[in-house]
Protein backbone atom coordinates (compact mmCIF):
# COMPACT_ATOMS: atom_id res chain seq x y z
CA MET A 1 27.89 2.32 4.96
CA PRO A 2 24.37 3.93 4.54
CA GLN A 3 22.71 3.77 1.02
CA ASN A 4 20.08 6.52 1.80
CA HIS A 5 19.47 8.62 -1.34
CA SER A 6 15.89 9.27 -0.60
CA ARG A 7 14.06 12.26 -2.45
CA TYR A 8 11.13 13.05 -0.21
CA ARG A 9 11.66 11.42 3.09
CA SER A 10 11.87 14.80 4.97
CA ASP A 11 8.85 16.19 2.96
CA LEU A 12 6.16 13.91 1.45
CA PRO A 13 4.68 15.83 -1.52
CA GLN A 14 1.48 13.76 -1.12
CA LEU A 15 1.11 15.70 2.18
CA GLN A 16 0.96 19.01 0.41
CA GLY A 17 -1.71 18.41 -2.15
CA GLY A 18 -2.51 17.40 -5.59
CA LEU A 19 -3.45 13.85 -7.05
CA PHE A 20 -1.07 10.99 -6.47
CA LEU A 21 -1.87 7.71 -7.83
CA THR A 22 -0.59 4.38 -6.54
CA ASP A 23 -0.04 1.01 -8.50
CA GLY A 24 -2.89 -1.58 -8.29
CA GLY A 25 -3.06 -5.11 -7.20
CA LEU A 26 0.40 -6.30 -7.63
CA GLU A 27 0.09 -9.87 -6.75
CA THR A 28 -3.13 -10.55 -8.34
CA THR A 29 -1.92 -8.75 -11.60
CA LEU A 30 1.04 -11.05 -11.71
CA VAL A 31 -0.70 -14.22 -10.91
CA PHE A 32 -3.84 -13.73 -12.99
CA HIS A 33 -2.59 -11.52 -15.82
CA GLU A 34 0.89 -12.65 -16.10
CA GLY A 35 0.63 -16.23 -15.01
CA LEU A 36 3.33 -16.00 -12.68
CA HIS A 37 3.73 -18.35 -9.65
CA LEU A 38 4.21 -16.34 -6.44
CA PRO A 39 4.54 -18.75 -3.31
CA ASP A 40 2.70 -17.53 -0.35
CA PHE A 41 1.84 -14.54 -2.67
CA ALA A 42 5.24 -13.34 -2.15
CA ALA A 43 6.20 -11.07 -5.30
CA PHE A 44 9.58 -10.63 -3.97
CA THR A 45 10.49 -14.05 -5.07
CA LEU A 46 10.55 -12.73 -8.75
CA PHE A 47 13.97 -11.32 -8.10
CA GLY A 48 15.45 -14.62 -8.46
CA SER A 49 15.19 -14.55 -12.12
CA LEU A 50 15.69 -12.09 -14.87
CA GLU A 51 12.19 -12.72 -16.35
CA GLY A 52 10.64 -12.30 -13.10
CA GLU A 53 12.39 -8.96 -12.44
CA ALA A 54 11.31 -7.64 -16.01
CA ALA A 55 7.76 -8.47 -15.22
CA LEU A 56 7.93 -6.30 -12.21
CA ARG A 57 9.63 -3.54 -14.05
CA ARG A 58 6.90 -3.66 -16.84
CA TYR A 59 4.22 -3.61 -14.03
CA TYR A 60 5.61 -0.40 -12.32
CA GLU A 61 6.16 1.30 -15.66
CA ALA A 62 2.75 0.86 -16.73
CA TYR A 63 1.60 2.91 -13.68
CA ALA A 64 4.43 5.47 -14.12
CA ASP A 65 2.99 5.92 -17.73
CA ILE A 66 -0.50 6.65 -16.52
CA ALA A 67 1.03 9.16 -14.01
CA LYS A 68 2.89 10.98 -16.85
CA ARG A 69 0.21 10.94 -19.18
CA ARG A 70 -2.37 12.20 -16.54
CA ASN A 71 -0.17 14.70 -14.95
CA THR A 72 -0.35 13.33 -11.63
CA GLY A 73 2.02 12.33 -8.77
CA LEU A 74 2.99 8.54 -8.27
CA ILE A 75 3.42 6.39 -5.24
CA ILE A 76 5.06 3.18 -6.00
CA GLU A 77 5.40 0.19 -3.47
CA SER A 78 8.31 -2.21 -3.48
CA ALA A 79 7.40 -5.99 -3.94
CA THR A 80 8.12 -6.76 -0.37
CA TRP A 81 4.37 -7.18 1.35
CA ARG A 82 5.62 -10.70 2.20
CA ALA A 83 9.38 -9.93 2.66
CA SER A 84 9.48 -9.92 6.55
CA ALA A 85 11.53 -12.54 8.57
CA ASP A 86 8.61 -15.17 9.31
CA TRP A 87 7.55 -15.20 5.57
CA GLY A 88 11.14 -15.30 4.38
CA ALA A 89 12.15 -18.11 6.89
CA ARG A 90 8.90 -20.08 5.47
CA LEU A 91 10.09 -19.54 1.86
CA GLY A 92 13.66 -20.89 2.96
CA LEU A 93 15.67 -17.55 2.63
CA THR A 94 18.58 -16.90 4.92
CA PRO A 95 18.18 -13.26 6.85
CA GLN A 96 20.86 -12.21 4.39
CA ALA A 97 19.05 -13.28 1.26
CA LEU A 98 16.12 -11.59 2.56
CA GLU A 99 17.71 -8.30 3.37
CA ALA A 100 19.11 -8.37 -0.04
CA ALA A 101 15.60 -8.88 -1.64
CA ASN A 102 14.20 -5.95 0.32
CA ARG A 103 17.14 -3.69 -0.96
CA ARG A 104 16.92 -4.96 -4.51
CA ALA A 105 12.93 -4.09 -4.53
CA VAL A 106 13.65 -0.65 -3.64
CA GLN A 107 16.59 -0.29 -5.98
CA LEU A 108 14.16 -1.57 -8.88
CA LEU A 109 11.81 1.45 -7.91
CA GLU A 110 14.93 3.89 -8.36
CA GLU A 111 15.64 2.65 -11.76
CA VAL A 112 12.01 3.19 -12.65
CA ARG A 113 11.76 6.65 -11.14
CA SER A 114 14.92 7.64 -12.86
CA GLY A 115 13.06 7.08 -16.15
CA TYR A 116 10.23 9.76 -15.18
CA ASP A 117 12.08 12.82 -14.15
CA GLY A 118 9.07 15.05 -15.17
CA ILE A 119 6.59 13.72 -12.45
CA ARG A 120 6.81 13.12 -8.65
CA VAL A 121 7.51 9.67 -7.84
CA VAL A 122 7.63 8.54 -4.18
CA ILE A 123 9.29 5.33 -3.25
CA ALA A 124 7.52 3.32 -0.46
CA GLY A 125 8.99 0.29 1.13
CA CYS A 126 6.03 -1.90 1.46
CA VAL A 127 5.42 -3.77 4.89
CA GLY A 128 2.75 -6.55 5.32
CA PRO A 129 1.51 -8.11 8.27
CA ARG A 130 3.30 -10.99 10.29
CA GLY A 131 0.38 -13.31 9.60
CA ASP A 132 -2.64 -13.51 7.27
CA GLY A 133 -3.92 -10.10 5.64
CA TYR A 134 -7.52 -11.08 6.05
CA VAL A 135 -7.60 -12.96 9.48
CA PRO A 136 -6.01 -11.82 12.64
CA GLY A 137 -4.31 -14.65 14.31
CA ASN A 138 -1.51 -15.22 16.71
CA GLU A 139 -1.83 -11.55 17.58
CA MET A 140 1.20 -9.91 18.91
CA THR A 141 1.41 -7.09 21.59
CA GLU A 142 2.81 -3.71 20.56
CA SER A 143 6.33 -4.43 21.66
CA GLN A 144 6.36 -7.87 19.74
CA ALA A 145 5.24 -6.24 16.63
CA GLU A 146 7.88 -3.40 16.90
CA LEU A 147 10.53 -5.99 17.46
CA TYR A 148 9.32 -8.09 14.54
CA HIS A 149 9.14 -5.26 11.92
CA ALA A 150 12.16 -3.37 12.98
CA GLY A 151 14.36 -5.38 10.95
CA GLN A 152 12.71 -4.78 7.54
CA ILE A 153 11.98 -1.22 8.18
CA GLY A 154 15.64 -0.63 9.38
CA THR A 155 16.65 -2.09 5.92
CA PHE A 156 14.30 0.49 3.97
CA ALA A 157 15.58 3.15 6.18
CA ASP A 158 19.19 2.56 4.77
CA THR A 159 17.85 2.44 1.12
CA ALA A 160 16.48 5.23 -1.04
CA ALA A 161 12.89 4.61 0.21
CA ASP A 162 10.95 7.81 1.01
CA MET A 163 8.67 6.19 3.34
CA VAL A 164 6.98 2.91 4.62
CA THR A 165 3.59 2.05 3.66
CA VAL A 166 1.83 -0.77 5.84
CA MET A 167 -0.58 -2.75 3.82
CA THR A 168 -3.47 -5.12 5.01
CA ILE A 169 -2.99 -4.55 8.88
CA ASN A 170 -5.98 -6.02 10.60
CA TYR A 171 -5.43 -5.37 14.32
CA VAL A 172 -4.19 -2.34 16.18
CA GLN A 173 -1.30 -3.70 18.15
CA GLU A 174 0.53 -4.58 15.07
CA ALA A 175 -0.07 -1.17 13.59
CA VAL A 176 1.17 0.55 16.92
CA GLY A 177 4.32 -1.63 16.77
CA ILE A 178 5.05 -0.93 13.21
CA ALA A 179 4.58 2.87 13.56
CA ARG A 180 7.07 2.72 16.74
CA ALA A 181 9.60 0.93 14.70
CA ALA A 182 9.23 3.40 11.81
CA LYS A 183 9.72 6.27 14.37
CA HIS A 184 12.74 4.63 15.86
CA HIS A 185 14.27 4.37 12.16
CA LYS A 186 13.08 8.00 11.41
CA MET A 187 10.96 6.96 8.54
CA PRO A 188 7.53 8.52 7.48
CA VAL A 189 4.97 5.82 7.64
CA ALA A 190 1.44 5.43 6.30
CA ILE A 191 -0.81 2.67 7.86
CA SER A 192 -3.43 0.99 5.72
CA PHE A 193 -6.07 -0.97 7.51
CA THR A 194 -7.98 -3.92 6.08
CA VAL A 195 -11.84 -3.63 6.49
CA GLU A 196 -14.52 -6.14 6.05
CA THR A 197 -17.92 -5.56 4.34
CA ASP A 198 -19.28 -4.00 7.42
CA GLY A 199 -16.46 -1.32 7.31
CA ASN A 200 -14.96 -2.73 10.70
CA LEU A 201 -11.34 -4.44 11.06
CA PRO A 202 -11.45 -7.95 11.05
CA THR A 203 -11.18 -7.95 14.77
CA GLY A 204 -14.62 -6.24 14.74
CA GLN A 205 -13.12 -2.84 16.12
CA SER A 206 -14.21 0.16 14.30
CA LEU A 207 -11.99 2.08 11.85
CA ARG A 208 -12.56 5.21 14.04
CA SER A 209 -11.49 3.50 17.22
CA ALA A 210 -8.53 1.71 15.57
CA ILE A 211 -7.21 5.03 14.15
CA LYS A 212 -7.74 6.96 17.35
CA GLN A 213 -5.86 4.14 19.39
CA VAL A 214 -2.95 4.16 16.86
CA ASP A 215 -2.50 7.99 17.19
CA GLN A 216 -2.96 8.03 20.97
CA ALA A 217 -0.31 5.24 21.28
CA THR A 218 2.12 6.87 18.92
CA SER A 219 1.55 10.49 19.58
CA GLY A 220 0.10 10.75 16.13
CA TYR A 221 3.28 9.46 14.54
CA PRO A 222 1.69 8.15 11.23
CA SER A 223 2.00 10.57 8.47
CA TYR A 224 -1.40 9.35 7.17
CA TYR A 225 -3.74 6.54 7.10
CA MET A 226 -5.36 4.58 4.13
CA ILE A 227 -7.98 1.84 3.73
CA ASN A 228 -7.26 -1.03 1.54
CA CYS A 229 -8.49 -4.40 0.55
CA ALA A 230 -12.22 -3.69 0.52
CA HIS A 231 -14.76 -2.33 -1.89
CA PRO A 232 -15.79 1.22 -1.57
CA SER A 233 -19.39 0.06 -0.80
CA HIS A 234 -17.98 -1.77 2.12
CA PHE A 235 -16.50 1.28 3.93
CA GLY A 236 -18.14 4.37 2.67
CA HIS A 237 -20.80 4.46 5.48
CA VAL A 238 -18.18 4.51 8.32
CA LEU A 239 -16.61 7.74 6.94
CA PRO A 240 -18.48 10.88 8.03
CA GLU A 241 -17.40 14.11 6.71
CA ASP A 242 -16.94 16.40 9.71
CA GLU A 243 -14.81 14.09 12.28
CA PRO A 244 -11.09 14.82 12.91
CA TRP A 245 -10.17 11.13 12.74
CA VAL A 246 -11.54 10.90 9.17
CA ALA A 247 -9.12 13.82 8.06
CA ARG A 248 -6.29 11.43 8.92
CA ILE A 249 -7.38 9.13 6.02
CA ILE A 250 -5.90 10.58 2.85
CA GLY A 251 -5.65 7.41 0.70
CA LEU A 252 -7.77 4.65 -0.73
CA ARG A 253 -6.66 1.45 -2.27
CA ALA A 254 -9.81 -0.29 -2.92
CA ASN A 255 -10.50 -3.91 -4.31
CA ALA A 256 -12.17 -4.13 -7.63
CA SER A 257 -14.58 -6.82 -6.55
CA ARG A 258 -17.56 -6.31 -4.11
CA GLN A 259 -17.20 -9.86 -2.56
CA SER A 260 -16.03 -10.59 1.02
CA HIS A 261 -12.38 -11.61 1.89
CA ALA A 262 -13.83 -15.11 2.48
CA GLN A 263 -15.44 -15.21 -0.94
CA LEU A 264 -12.33 -13.90 -2.75
CA ASN A 265 -10.01 -16.63 -0.79
CA GLU A 266 -12.36 -19.43 -2.35
CA SER A 267 -12.65 -17.84 -5.82
CA PRO A 268 -10.58 -19.63 -8.45
CA GLU A 269 -10.99 -16.58 -10.82
CA LEU A 270 -10.16 -13.06 -10.57
CA ASP A 271 -13.15 -10.63 -10.15
CA GLN A 272 -11.79 -7.71 -11.87
CA GLY A 273 -15.10 -5.35 -11.32
CA ASN A 274 -15.84 -2.56 -13.30
CA PRO A 275 -12.86 0.02 -13.86
CA VAL A 276 -15.18 2.98 -14.76
CA GLU A 277 -17.46 2.36 -11.85
CA LEU A 278 -14.65 2.16 -9.42
CA GLY A 279 -13.40 5.31 -10.93
CA GLN A 280 -16.70 7.03 -10.36
CA ASP A 281 -16.88 5.60 -6.65
CA TYR A 282 -13.43 7.44 -5.93
CA ALA A 283 -14.71 10.71 -7.49
CA GLN A 284 -17.75 10.38 -5.01
CA PHE A 285 -15.47 9.85 -2.09
CA LYS A 286 -13.37 12.73 -3.04
CA ARG A 287 -16.45 15.26 -3.46
CA ARG A 288 -17.33 14.19 0.19
CA LEU A 289 -13.79 13.91 1.77
CA PRO A 290 -11.85 16.63 0.21
CA GLN A 291 -8.50 15.57 2.19
CA LEU A 292 -8.31 12.58 -0.07
CA LYS A 293 -4.99 12.55 -2.37
CA VAL A 294 -3.68 8.99 -2.50
CA MET A 295 -5.75 7.00 -4.89
CA GLY A 296 -5.01 3.49 -6.18
CA GLY A 297 -6.08 -0.28 -6.03
CA CYS A 298 -5.54 -3.48 -4.15
CA CYS A 299 -6.76 -7.00 -5.17
CA GLY A 300 -8.14 -7.42 -8.69
CA THR A 301 -7.10 -4.01 -9.91
CA ASP A 302 -4.69 -3.21 -12.44
CA HIS A 303 -3.57 -0.20 -14.79
CA ARG A 304 -7.25 -0.15 -16.15
CA HIS A 305 -8.82 0.68 -12.90
CA ILE A 306 -6.03 3.29 -11.96
CA GLU A 307 -6.56 5.03 -15.21
CA GLN A 308 -10.30 5.42 -14.67
CA ILE A 309 -9.57 6.56 -11.22
CA ALA A 310 -7.47 9.42 -12.60
CA ILE A 311 -9.94 10.29 -15.24
CA ALA A 312 -12.76 10.62 -12.74
CA CYS A 313 -10.86 12.53 -10.27
CA GLN A 314 -8.59 14.81 -12.23
CA PRO A 315 -11.14 17.62 -12.65
CA LEU A 316 -11.57 17.47 -8.72
CA PHE A 317 -7.99 18.48 -8.53
CA GLY A 318 -8.13 21.00 -11.10
CA LEU A 319 -6.15 18.67 -13.73
CA ASN A 320 -6.74 18.16 -17.28
CA GLY A 321 -5.88 14.86 -18.64
């Protein structure tokens, strides 16, 4: 029996205007600030204990509090970046247990949303890459990617998730397959690409070419695109103001750190960057790219960074905080 009680699936409010914050770096926050163990960086494993679930609830509520205080919208992502078939099998989960985890992850966000009726809270089912988020390997064809990701996206379609957000995708064929799976299940989808310090995808393909290729292969199905898991200094130079493909990018989820992915992988400590500086970087992007509406964080960011992003960008949306 379908469990779809979505609120915004047919009309995503972030497409209409206004500032929408997201959460920050879920996994880095839980590991480095909360001291929690996440095998394979899989936050959904926390649903195995009351303490783990409570930590997730506190994490999301911190961002909902910011959105309420700053009078913004909020997009919260389920803790399911690693909750697809291969990662679940690697962690010893049955397909049934993995499906249950995906459902519970969305249900938790419903519970959080119910406590913040005064703000627009969009629930996104988070999908991650089949492989490594930084390094493309064992690349799938478009059809293979569609088949692989269809299970998780189909589960989200049967929940209250308003949309699917695809994070840290690093090659185009996987993005195309995911977009097609989302279309099949009638789920809005936002695709967020990982870029390197040169602003290109890890495959070397330009962001411009990647977005154009996905749009061409899917008849422009993605609701919008984002950039995540890179510092603003890594990609600002590849976003000209006056090209139509750039207008398809309405969201940024940057890293706090200026380090490369290779450096971050080898670092034993969390580089938290400078929250105030990051907020100012976002404001500069907004002045140059007025279509930007979705602003949040990735690795190394937490509620402090998101608060500073809100403070810096609120005046550009005509908001008072």
